[in-house]
């Protein structure tokens, strides 16, 4: 199955790093990378240092 590899940017915007939104983004990133795509995650919520661990 030969597909076209694409560049993907995932914007994460939740300040809760242990929440379901972050988990979903991580799984999407993993699956896309395993499929041969180039994936970059940008965490816009933690840019100001206001994330919860």
N, C-alpha and C. Protein backbone atom coordinates (compact mmCIF):
# COMPACT_ATOMS: atom_id res chain seq x y z
N UNK A 1 0.85 -1.16 0.00
CA UNK A 1 0.00 0.00 0.00
C UNK A 1 0.90 1.23 0.00
N UNK A 2 1.02 1.88 -1.11
CA UNK A 2 1.89 3.05 -1.22
C UNK A 2 1.09 4.33 -1.22
N UNK A 3 1.24 5.08 -0.17
CA UNK A 3 0.56 6.36 -0.08
C UNK A 3 1.56 7.49 -0.18
N UNK A 4 1.07 8.66 -0.13
CA UNK A 4 1.92 9.85 -0.18
C UNK A 4 2.17 10.31 1.25
N UNK A 5 3.44 10.43 1.61
CA UNK A 5 3.78 10.95 2.94
C UNK A 5 3.56 12.45 2.95
N UNK A 6 2.95 12.93 4.02
CA UNK A 6 2.66 14.36 4.13
C UNK A 6 3.27 14.92 5.41
N UNK A 7 3.42 16.22 5.45
CA UNK A 7 3.87 16.92 6.65
C UNK A 7 2.64 17.33 7.44
N UNK A 8 2.63 17.00 8.73
CA UNK A 8 1.48 17.27 9.60
C UNK A 8 1.95 18.11 10.78
N UNK A 9 1.21 19.15 11.11
CA UNK A 9 1.46 19.95 12.30
C UNK A 9 0.26 19.78 13.22
N UNK A 10 0.54 19.35 14.45
CA UNK A 10 -0.51 19.17 15.46
C UNK A 10 -0.38 20.30 16.47
N UNK A 11 -1.42 21.11 16.60
CA UNK A 11 -1.44 22.19 17.58
C UNK A 11 -2.13 21.68 18.85
N UNK A 12 -1.38 21.62 19.93
CA UNK A 12 -1.93 21.22 21.21
C UNK A 12 -2.19 22.48 22.02
N UNK A 13 -3.38 22.58 22.63
CA UNK A 13 -3.70 23.81 23.34
C UNK A 13 -4.27 23.58 24.74
N UNK A 14 -4.14 22.38 25.24
CA UNK A 14 -4.63 22.13 26.59
C UNK A 14 -3.52 22.30 27.61
N UNK A 15 -3.79 22.98 28.71
CA UNK A 15 -2.75 23.13 29.74
C UNK A 15 -2.61 21.88 30.60
N UNK A 16 -3.55 20.94 30.50
CA UNK A 16 -3.51 19.72 31.30
C UNK A 16 -2.78 18.63 30.53
N UNK A 17 -1.51 18.40 30.84
CA UNK A 17 -0.69 17.43 30.11
C UNK A 17 -1.13 15.99 30.32
N UNK A 18 -1.93 15.71 31.35
CA UNK A 18 -2.40 14.35 31.62
C UNK A 18 -3.85 14.15 31.22
N UNK A 19 -4.40 15.08 30.45
CA UNK A 19 -5.81 15.01 30.08
C UNK A 19 -6.06 14.21 28.81
N UNK A 20 -7.33 14.01 28.52
CA UNK A 20 -7.73 13.19 27.38
C UNK A 20 -7.38 13.85 26.04
N UNK A 21 -7.40 15.17 25.97
CA UNK A 21 -7.05 15.84 24.71
C UNK A 21 -5.60 15.59 24.34
N UNK A 22 -4.73 15.66 25.34
CA UNK A 22 -3.31 15.42 25.10
C UNK A 22 -3.06 13.96 24.73
N UNK A 23 -3.76 13.05 25.38
CA UNK A 23 -3.63 11.63 25.07
C UNK A 23 -4.06 11.35 23.64
N UNK A 24 -5.16 11.94 23.22
CA UNK A 24 -5.64 11.77 21.86
C UNK A 24 -4.64 12.31 20.85
N UNK A 25 -4.07 13.48 21.12
CA UNK A 25 -3.07 14.06 20.22
C UNK A 25 -1.84 13.17 20.13
N UNK A 26 -1.38 12.63 21.26
CA UNK A 26 -0.22 11.75 21.26
C UNK A 26 -0.46 10.49 20.43
N UNK A 27 -1.65 9.93 20.54
CA UNK A 27 -1.97 8.72 19.77
C UNK A 27 -2.06 9.03 18.28
N UNK A 28 -2.62 10.17 17.93
CA UNK A 28 -2.68 10.58 16.53
C UNK A 28 -1.28 10.76 15.97
N UNK A 29 -0.42 11.43 16.72
CA UNK A 29 0.96 11.67 16.29
C UNK A 29 1.68 10.34 16.08
N UNK A 30 1.53 9.42 17.03
CA UNK A 30 2.16 8.11 16.92
C UNK A 30 1.69 7.36 15.67
N UNK A 31 0.39 7.35 15.45
CA UNK A 31 -0.16 6.65 14.28
C UNK A 31 0.28 7.26 12.96
N UNK A 32 0.29 8.58 12.90
CA UNK A 32 0.71 9.25 11.67
C UNK A 32 2.18 8.99 11.38
N UNK A 33 3.01 9.03 12.43
CA UNK A 33 4.44 8.76 12.24
C UNK A 33 4.67 7.32 11.80
N UNK A 34 3.94 6.39 12.39
CA UNK A 34 4.07 4.98 12.00
C UNK A 34 3.63 4.75 10.56
N UNK A 35 2.72 5.58 10.07
CA UNK A 35 2.25 5.47 8.69
C UNK A 35 3.22 6.13 7.71
N UNK A 36 4.30 6.72 8.22
CA UNK A 36 5.31 7.30 7.35
C UNK A 36 5.22 8.79 7.13
N UNK A 37 4.34 9.45 7.88
CA UNK A 37 4.20 10.89 7.73
C UNK A 37 5.17 11.62 8.66
N UNK A 38 5.49 12.84 8.31
CA UNK A 38 6.32 13.69 9.14
C UNK A 38 5.41 14.51 10.03
N UNK A 39 5.59 14.39 11.36
CA UNK A 39 4.67 15.04 12.29
C UNK A 39 5.45 15.94 13.24
N UNK A 40 4.95 17.16 13.42
CA UNK A 40 5.52 18.09 14.38
C UNK A 40 4.40 18.57 15.29
N UNK A 41 4.62 18.47 16.61
CA UNK A 41 3.64 18.95 17.58
C UNK A 41 4.08 20.32 18.10
N UNK A 42 3.14 21.25 18.17
CA UNK A 42 3.40 22.57 18.70
C UNK A 42 2.47 22.76 19.89
N UNK A 43 3.05 22.95 21.05
CA UNK A 43 2.27 23.12 22.28
C UNK A 43 2.08 24.61 22.55
N UNK A 44 0.95 25.13 22.11
CA UNK A 44 0.69 26.56 22.23
C UNK A 44 0.22 26.94 23.64
N UNK A 45 -0.30 25.98 24.40
CA UNK A 45 -0.78 26.29 25.74
C UNK A 45 0.37 26.51 26.72
N UNK A 46 1.46 25.81 26.52
CA UNK A 46 2.58 25.91 27.47
C UNK A 46 3.63 26.92 27.06
N UNK A 47 3.37 27.65 26.04
CA UNK A 47 4.36 28.64 25.58
C UNK A 47 4.65 29.68 26.65
N UNK A 48 3.66 29.96 27.49
CA UNK A 48 3.87 30.95 28.55
C UNK A 48 4.28 30.32 29.87
N UNK A 49 4.44 28.99 29.89
CA UNK A 49 4.85 28.29 31.10
C UNK A 49 3.71 28.04 32.07
N UNK A 50 2.47 28.00 31.59
CA UNK A 50 1.33 27.87 32.48
C UNK A 50 0.70 26.48 32.46
N UNK A 51 1.48 25.45 32.14
CA UNK A 51 0.92 24.10 32.06
C UNK A 51 0.88 23.41 33.41
N UNK A 52 -0.11 22.52 33.54
CA UNK A 52 -0.22 21.68 34.73
C UNK A 52 0.47 20.36 34.42
N UNK A 53 1.24 19.86 35.34
CA UNK A 53 1.93 18.57 35.15
C UNK A 53 1.13 17.45 35.75
